[in-house]
Amino acid sequence: MANLSTKIKLYCEENGVSNLNFVDDVKLQDDSNGQGAYIKEWNLGISQPTTEQIASYETAANTEEALQVVLNNRRAEYPDWGTQLDYIYHNGIDKWKTDIVDPVKTKYPKPS
């Protein structure tokens, strides 16, 4: 099950809000009662989504979260920028793609 924050982010993006702050704009709360997180406070200029609207973003949110895991894994696997630029300088772009980029992308493919 996708995080409520991811579903809210997607809802906001679809409704023209691209910058979302979960401290000031939307406050979530989980009372640890087994019901999960919910919207405690909504301070945006668009309507607060209904439970049904939030639920409709489940598949898209799962895809987004899976993509973020892949991107984070790739980020952690790549060498730092200085090392990569040095590699490009000494070996060229094509060798950098073959030796550094392609193996990481193969190890962590984007979800389909």
C-alpha atoms as a PDB file:
ATOM      1  CA  MET A   1       0.000   0.000   0.000  1.00  0.00           C
ATOM      2  CA  ALA A   2       1.327   3.389  -0.988  1.00  0.00           C
ATOM      3  CA  ASN A   3       2.002   6.140   1.520  1.00  0.00           C
ATOM      4  CA  LEU A   4      -0.705   8.728   2.028  1.00  0.00           C
ATOM      5  CA  SER A   5       1.832  11.485   1.403  1.00  0.00           C
ATOM      6  CA  THR A   6       2.620  10.099  -2.063  1.00  0.00           C
ATOM      7  CA  LYS A   7      -1.064   9.947  -2.988  1.00  0.00           C
ATOM      8  CA  ILE A   8      -1.590  13.509  -1.758  1.00  0.00           C
ATOM      9  CA  LYS A   9       1.440  14.693  -3.736  1.00  0.00           C
ATOM     10  CA  LEU A  10       0.007  13.145  -6.912  1.00  0.00           C
ATOM     11  CA  TYR A  11      -3.444  14.612  -6.213  1.00  0.00           C
ATOM     12  CA  CYS A  12      -1.918  18.060  -5.740  1.00  0.00           C
ATOM     13  CA  GLU A  13       0.185  17.832  -8.903  1.00  0.00           C
ATOM     14  CA  GLU A  14      -2.883  16.834 -10.900  1.00  0.00           C
ATOM     15  CA  ASN A  15      -4.695  19.857  -9.472  1.00  0.00           C
ATOM     16  CA  GLY A  16      -1.978  22.404 -10.269  1.00  0.00           C
ATOM     17  CA  VAL A  17      -0.013  22.413  -7.004  1.00  0.00           C
ATOM     18  CA  SER A  18       3.604  21.444  -7.667  1.00  0.00           C
ATOM     19  CA  ASN A  19       5.248  22.659  -4.462  1.00  0.00           C
ATOM     20  CA  LEU A  20       3.824  20.853  -1.474  1.00  0.00           C
ATOM     21  CA  ASN A  21       5.075  21.250   2.075  1.00  0.00           C
ATOM     22  CA  PHE A  22       4.012  18.621   4.603  1.00  0.00           C
ATOM     23  CA  VAL A  23       4.817  20.968   7.486  1.00  0.00           C
ATOM     24  CA  ASP A  24       2.781  24.022   6.506  1.00  0.00           C
ATOM     25  CA  ASP A  25       0.472  23.049   3.630  1.00  0.00           C
ATOM     26  CA  VAL A  26      -0.742  19.614   4.655  1.00  0.00           C
ATOM     27  CA  LYS A  27      -0.326  18.044   8.067  1.00  0.00           C
ATOM     28  CA  LEU A  28      -0.720  14.306   8.401  1.00  0.00           C
ATOM     29  CA  GLN A  29      -1.265  12.419  11.615  1.00  0.00           C
ATOM     30  CA  ASP A  30      -1.263   8.777  12.657  1.00  0.00           C
ATOM     31  CA  ASP A  31      -2.870   8.073  16.022  1.00  0.00           C
ATOM     32  CA  SER A  32      -1.333   4.571  16.156  1.00  0.00           C
ATOM     33  CA  ASN A  33      -4.799   3.078  16.445  1.00  0.00           C
ATOM     34  CA  GLY A  34      -4.460   0.811  13.417  1.00  0.00           C
ATOM     35  CA  GLN A  35      -6.385   3.198  11.169  1.00  0.00           C
ATOM     36  CA  GLY A  36      -3.245   4.621   9.545  1.00  0.00           C
ATOM     37  CA  ALA A  37      -2.367   8.180   8.683  1.00  0.00           C
ATOM     38  CA  TYR A  38      -4.962  10.792   7.842  1.00  0.00           C
ATOM     39  CA  ILE A  39      -5.090  14.460   6.869  1.00  0.00           C
ATOM     40  CA  LYS A  40      -5.194  16.490  10.066  1.00  0.00           C
ATOM     41  CA  GLU A  41      -4.873  19.925   8.486  1.00  0.00           C
ATOM     42  CA  TRP A  42      -5.297  21.148   4.882  1.00  0.00           C
ATOM     43  CA  ASN A  43      -3.973  24.628   4.055  1.00  0.00           C
ATOM     44  CA  LEU A  44      -3.994  24.639   0.272  1.00  0.00           C
ATOM     45  CA  GLY A  45      -6.057  26.649  -2.185  1.00  0.00           C
ATOM     46  CA  ILE A  46      -7.524  23.484  -3.691  1.00  0.00           C
ATOM     47  CA  SER A  47     -10.195  21.245  -2.231  1.00  0.00           C
ATOM     48  CA  GLN A  48      -9.110  18.627   0.245  1.00  0.00           C
ATOM     49  CA  PRO A  49      -9.404  15.224  -1.440  1.00  0.00           C
ATOM     50  CA  THR A  50     -12.028  12.767  -0.321  1.00  0.00           C
ATOM     51  CA  THR A  51     -11.107   9.276   0.840  1.00  0.00           C
ATOM     52  CA  GLU A  52     -12.256   7.949  -2.530  1.00  0.00           C
ATOM     53  CA  GLN A  53     -10.116  10.460  -4.421  1.00  0.00           C
ATOM     54  CA  ILE A  54      -7.067   9.522  -2.355  1.00  0.00           C
ATOM     55  CA  ALA A  55      -7.740   5.804  -2.934  1.00  0.00           C
ATOM     56  CA  SER A  56      -7.854   6.379  -6.696  1.00  0.00           C
ATOM     57  CA  TYR A  57      -4.147   7.256  -6.624  1.00  0.00           C
ATOM     58  CA  GLU A  58      -3.057   3.915  -5.134  1.00  0.00           C
ATOM     59  CA  THR A  59      -1.653   2.407  -8.339  1.00  0.00           C
ATOM     60  CA  ALA A  60       0.073   5.602  -9.458  1.00  0.00           C
ATOM     61  CA  ALA A  61       1.518   6.115  -5.971  1.00  0.00           C
ATOM     62  CA  ASN A  62       2.835   2.542  -5.843  1.00  0.00           C
ATOM     63  CA  THR A  63       4.537   3.126  -9.202  1.00  0.00           C
ATOM     64  CA  GLU A  64       5.999   6.444  -8.010  1.00  0.00           C
ATOM     65  CA  GLU A  65       7.333   4.896  -4.809  1.00  0.00           C
ATOM     66  CA  ALA A  66       8.870   1.961  -6.693  1.00  0.00           C
ATOM     67  CA  LEU A  67      10.554   4.431  -9.059  1.00  0.00           C
ATOM     68  CA  GLN A  68      11.947   6.411  -6.114  1.00  0.00           C
ATOM     69  CA  VAL A  69      13.473   3.244  -4.660  1.00  0.00           C
ATOM     70  CA  VAL A  70      15.189   2.545  -7.986  1.00  0.00           C
ATOM     71  CA  LEU A  71      16.456   6.125  -8.304  1.00  0.00           C
ATOM     72  CA  ASN A  72      17.756   6.130  -4.726  1.00  0.00           C
ATOM     73  CA  ASN A  73      19.548   2.809  -5.298  1.00  0.00           C
ATOM     74  CA  ARG A  74      21.100   4.139  -8.492  1.00  0.00           C
ATOM     75  CA  ARG A  75      22.171   7.345  -6.743  1.00  0.00           C
ATOM     76  CA  ALA A  76      23.890   5.341  -4.009  1.00  0.00           C
ATOM     77  CA  GLU A  77      25.608   3.043  -6.530  1.00  0.00           C
ATOM     78  CA  TYR A  78      27.069   5.678  -8.848  1.00  0.00           C
ATOM     79  CA  PRO A  79      30.488   7.096  -7.986  1.00  0.00           C
ATOM     80  CA  ASP A  80      30.596  10.760  -6.964  1.00  0.00           C
ATOM     81  CA  TRP A  81      30.421  13.388  -9.717  1.00  0.00           C
ATOM     82  CA  GLY A  82      34.122  14.191  -9.588  1.00  0.00           C
ATOM     83  CA  THR A  83      35.055  10.568 -10.167  1.00  0.00           C
ATOM     84  CA  GLN A  84      32.585  10.274 -13.027  1.00  0.00           C
ATOM     85  CA  LEU A  85      33.799  13.462 -14.707  1.00  0.00           C
ATOM     86  CA  ASP A  86      37.397  12.287 -14.369  1.00  0.00           C
ATOM     87  CA  TYR A  87      36.404   8.956 -15.932  1.00  0.00           C
ATOM     88  CA  ILE A  88      34.732  10.762 -18.838  1.00  0.00           C
ATOM     89  CA  TYR A  89      37.788  12.983 -19.319  1.00  0.00           C
ATOM     90  CA  HIS A  90      40.160  10.006 -19.487  1.00  0.00           C
ATOM     91  CA  ASN A  91      37.930   7.459 -21.241  1.00  0.00           C
ATOM     92  CA  GLY A  92      35.183   9.313 -23.103  1.00  0.00           C
ATOM     93  CA  ILE A  93      31.415   9.366 -22.807  1.00  0.00           C
ATOM     94  CA  ASP A  94      30.809   6.045 -24.541  1.00  0.00           C
ATOM     95  CA  LYS A  95      33.134   4.126 -22.181  1.00  0.00           C
ATOM     96  CA  TRP A  96      31.564   5.919 -19.181  1.00  0.00           C
ATOM     97  CA  LYS A  97      28.114   4.816 -20.343  1.00  0.00           C
ATOM     98  CA  THR A  98      29.305   1.243 -20.891  1.00  0.00           C
ATOM     99  CA  ASP A  99      31.348   0.912 -17.689  1.00  0.00           C
ATOM    100  CA  ILE A 100      29.410   3.024 -15.183  1.00  0.00           C
ATOM    101  CA  VAL A 101      25.915   3.976 -16.324  1.00  0.00           C
ATOM    102  CA  ASP A 102      24.715   0.806 -18.040  1.00  0.00           C
ATOM    103  CA  PRO A 103      25.681  -1.641 -15.257  1.00  0.00           C
ATOM    104  CA  VAL A 104      23.881   0.456 -12.638  1.00  0.00           C
ATOM    105  CA  LYS A 105      20.778   0.847 -14.794  1.00  0.00           C
ATOM    106  CA  THR A 106      20.802  -2.898 -15.481  1.00  0.00           C
ATOM    107  CA  LYS A 107      21.178  -3.674 -11.773  1.00  0.00           C
ATOM    108  CA  TYR A 108      18.337  -1.282 -10.870  1.00  0.00           C
ATOM    109  CA  PRO A 109      15.870  -1.176 -13.799  1.00  0.00           C
ATOM    110  CA  LYS A 110      12.963   1.243 -13.744  1.00  0.00           C
ATOM    111  CA  PRO A 111       9.658  -0.401 -12.845  1.00  0.00           C
ATOM    112  CA  SER A 112       7.386  -1.025 -15.792  1.00  0.00           C
END
